Amino acid sequence: DEDLYEGTQQTAGGETFGVVLNFGAVPGALNPNLQFWFLDNLGEVGLLVYSEGGLYAYQPPINSGAQLNVVGAGAPPTAPQTNHGMLVAMPQAQVILWGTEAVLGNGSVDPRLIRFSDAGTYDTWTATASNQAGSYRLGKGSLIVGGIQAPQTTLMFTDTDVWSMSYQGPPLVYGFTIMGSG
């Protein structure tokens, strides 16, 4: 079912292990057992990406209706709608998406592409001279498999390398360096 309802208890072996929030209409078949899930926050806003899905935002307080809303899903889309993963880079507070769309909303994923939002936001993805949104395509590996915020850098892991994604500020925003291979 594409609609998950608030208060639905999930059980396994007779034990309750959680409550599912109401997502509203989620594109495609959503099977939590077959997805990779990435959760983070930007201040009080909760963020979620599931593999091959868009970026969802939750902002308190809880009201009736959809609790998680897809970011930038209008026509034309203003945020990537298909992604493999997500994290929030600190201290500049930028949402980092990887394995994402080269063209917003077309659904065609580049497995080595990283996109980053403007600093302090989760909903500005188009790079301009007055913001810090942007993208970078890693030059090696065949796909990005994960990322983690480390002291003074963000580490991005491909199937063959570890990259340092170091914040430099405008106009380049990030510098990318291979830290290890093999």
Protein backbone atom coordinates (compact mmCIF):
# COMPACT_ATOMS: atom_id res chain seq x y z
CA ASP A 1 0.00 0.00 0.00
CA GLU A 2 1.37 3.43 -0.91
CA ASP A 3 -0.25 5.16 2.06
CA LEU A 4 1.12 4.59 5.54
CA TYR A 5 -1.11 5.77 8.35
CA GLU A 6 -0.13 7.37 11.61
CA GLY A 7 -0.49 4.98 14.50
CA THR A 8 -0.08 1.75 12.53
CA GLN A 9 1.92 -0.58 14.76
CA GLN A 10 4.50 -2.82 13.13
CA THR A 11 5.04 -6.24 14.68
CA ALA A 12 7.50 -9.08 14.23
CA GLY A 13 7.32 -12.32 16.17
CA GLY A 14 4.49 -10.90 18.27
CA GLU A 15 6.54 -7.89 19.46
CA THR A 16 5.65 -4.30 18.60
CA PHE A 17 8.69 -2.41 17.37
CA GLY A 18 7.42 0.92 16.12
CA VAL A 19 4.74 3.20 14.85
CA VAL A 20 4.59 4.22 11.20
CA LEU A 21 3.92 7.89 10.44
CA ASN A 22 1.54 8.91 7.68
CA PHE A 23 3.70 9.63 4.63
CA GLY A 24 0.81 10.60 2.38
CA ALA A 25 1.16 9.38 -1.19
CA VAL A 26 4.64 7.91 -1.69
CA PRO A 27 5.68 7.34 -5.31
CA GLY A 28 6.28 3.72 -6.25
CA ALA A 29 6.08 0.66 -4.08
CA LEU A 30 7.45 1.38 -0.63
CA ASN A 31 8.76 -1.77 1.01
CA PRO A 32 10.85 -0.99 4.12
CA ASN A 33 12.46 -4.42 3.95
CA LEU A 34 13.88 -3.72 0.47
CA GLN A 35 14.96 -0.09 0.94
CA PHE A 36 17.96 1.68 2.40
CA TRP A 37 16.78 4.47 4.71
CA PHE A 38 18.72 7.62 5.58
CA LEU A 39 17.50 9.87 8.42
CA ASP A 40 18.98 13.14 9.63
CA ASN A 41 17.86 16.53 10.83
CA LEU A 42 18.43 20.16 9.96
CA GLY A 43 17.54 21.98 13.17
CA GLU A 44 14.01 20.92 14.11
CA VAL A 45 13.24 19.64 10.59
CA GLY A 46 13.53 15.88 10.23
CA LEU A 47 14.78 14.66 6.84
CA LEU A 48 14.42 11.23 5.24
CA VAL A 49 15.52 9.62 1.98
CA TYR A 50 14.84 6.03 1.06
CA SER A 51 16.78 4.44 -1.79
CA GLU A 52 15.42 5.48 -5.19
CA GLY A 53 13.16 8.03 -3.49
CA GLY A 54 12.92 11.76 -3.00
CA LEU A 55 13.88 13.88 -0.02
CA TYR A 56 11.12 14.05 2.58
CA ALA A 57 10.83 16.65 5.34
CA TYR A 58 8.97 16.51 8.64
CA GLN A 59 8.45 19.71 10.57
CA PRO A 60 6.78 19.73 13.97
CA PRO A 61 4.18 20.10 15.36
CA ILE A 62 2.27 16.98 14.39
CA ASN A 63 -1.01 17.85 12.65
CA SER A 64 -3.52 15.67 10.87
CA GLY A 65 -2.68 14.63 7.31
CA ALA A 66 0.66 13.78 5.78
CA GLN A 67 3.54 14.05 8.25
CA LEU A 68 6.35 13.67 5.70
CA ASN A 69 6.20 15.81 2.59
CA VAL A 70 8.39 15.37 -0.47
CA VAL A 71 10.65 18.39 -1.05
CA GLY A 72 10.44 20.25 -4.35
CA ALA A 73 8.09 17.86 -6.15
CA GLY A 74 6.20 20.55 -8.09
CA ALA A 75 6.22 21.12 -11.82
CA PRO A 76 8.99 21.72 -12.62
CA PRO A 77 10.73 19.98 -9.70
CA THR A 78 13.02 22.15 -7.59
CA ALA A 79 14.78 19.29 -5.78
CA PRO A 80 16.12 15.88 -6.86
CA GLN A 81 13.30 13.32 -6.81
CA THR A 82 15.43 10.16 -7.07
CA ASN A 83 18.39 9.62 -4.72
CA HIS A 84 20.44 6.79 -3.26
CA GLY A 85 21.34 8.45 0.05
CA MET A 86 21.53 11.56 2.21
CA LEU A 87 23.27 13.20 5.14
CA VAL A 88 23.51 16.69 6.63
CA ALA A 89 27.02 18.18 6.56
CA MET A 90 27.97 20.30 9.56
CA PRO A 91 28.71 22.99 10.61
CA GLN A 92 27.50 24.67 7.39
CA ALA A 93 24.17 22.78 7.60
CA GLN A 94 23.90 21.59 4.02
CA VAL A 95 21.91 18.57 2.91
CA ILE A 96 24.08 16.23 0.83
CA LEU A 97 22.36 13.82 -1.59
CA TRP A 98 24.28 11.18 -3.53
CA GLY A 99 23.45 8.88 -6.41
CA THR A 100 21.09 11.59 -7.55
CA GLU A 101 19.63 13.16 -10.67
CA ALA A 102 21.80 15.24 -13.00
CA VAL A 103 18.61 16.97 -14.22
CA LEU A 104 16.09 17.71 -11.47
CA GLY A 105 13.00 15.54 -11.72
CA ASN A 106 13.92 13.42 -14.75
CA GLY A 107 14.42 10.24 -12.68
CA SER A 108 17.72 9.33 -14.38
CA VAL A 109 20.30 8.78 -11.63
CA ASP A 110 24.04 9.34 -11.91
CA PRO A 111 25.51 6.94 -9.30
CA ARG A 112 28.62 9.15 -8.80
CA LEU A 113 26.83 12.51 -8.56
CA ILE A 114 26.68 14.47 -5.29
CA ARG A 115 24.26 17.39 -4.89
CA PHE A 116 24.29 19.80 -1.98
CA SER A 117 21.62 22.28 -0.90
CA ASP A 118 22.19 25.92 -0.07
CA ALA A 119 23.65 26.39 3.44
CA GLY A 120 21.04 26.24 6.18
CA THR A 121 18.22 24.97 3.95
CA TYR A 122 16.85 21.69 2.63
CA ASP A 123 14.77 23.15 -0.20
CA THR A 124 17.18 25.21 -2.36
CA TRP A 125 19.01 23.00 -4.87
CA THR A 126 19.59 25.18 -7.93
CA ALA A 127 23.05 26.78 -7.85
CA THR A 128 23.22 30.56 -8.30
CA ALA A 129 25.87 33.20 -7.68
CA SER A 130 24.09 34.17 -4.45
CA ASN A 131 23.81 30.73 -2.80
CA GLN A 132 25.95 27.68 -1.95
CA ALA A 133 23.90 24.96 -3.67
CA GLY A 134 25.70 22.87 -6.24
CA SER A 135 26.84 19.46 -7.41
CA TYR A 136 29.99 17.45 -8.09
CA ARG A 137 30.53 14.19 -9.97
CA LEU A 138 33.24 11.96 -8.49
CA GLY A 139 35.85 11.00 -11.07
CA LYS A 140 36.46 7.40 -9.95
CA GLY A 141 34.43 4.41 -8.88
CA SER A 142 31.17 3.19 -10.30
CA LEU A 143 28.80 4.28 -7.49
CA ILE A 144 28.68 6.05 -4.15
CA VAL A 145 27.80 3.58 -1.41
CA GLY A 146 27.65 5.91 1.61
CA GLY A 147 28.81 8.98 3.43
CA ILE A 148 29.52 10.18 6.96
CA GLN A 149 30.26 13.50 8.63
CA ALA A 150 33.73 13.39 10.16
CA PRO A 151 35.68 16.11 12.01
CA GLN A 152 36.43 18.95 9.55
CA THR A 153 35.23 16.99 6.49
CA THR A 154 32.54 14.77 5.03
CA LEU A 155 33.72 11.34 3.89
CA MET A 156 32.09 9.84 0.79
CA PHE A 157 32.58 6.14 0.09
CA THR A 158 32.45 4.69 -3.43
CA ASP A 159 32.83 1.04 -4.35
CA THR A 160 36.59 1.67 -4.84
CA ASP A 161 37.63 4.84 -2.97
CA VAL A 162 37.12 7.10 0.03
CA TRP A 163 36.78 10.80 -0.80
CA SER A 164 37.11 13.81 1.48
CA MET A 165 34.49 16.47 0.77
CA SER A 166 35.91 19.53 2.55
CA TYR A 167 33.93 22.74 2.90
CA GLN A 168 35.81 25.71 1.38
CA GLY A 169 33.05 28.31 1.12
CA PRO A 170 32.00 30.28 -1.96
CA PRO A 171 32.56 30.25 -4.85
CA LEU A 172 33.68 26.57 -5.07
CA VAL A 173 31.87 25.53 -1.84
CA TYR A 174 33.55 22.07 -1.58
CA GLY A 175 36.92 20.58 -2.45
CA PHE A 176 37.14 16.85 -3.23
CA THR A 177 40.22 14.69 -2.55
CA ILE A 178 40.71 10.92 -2.73
CA MET A 179 41.81 9.80 0.73
CA GLY A 180 42.21 6.09 0.00
CA SER A 181 41.74 3.50 -2.73
CA GLY A 182 41.26 -0.23 -2.86
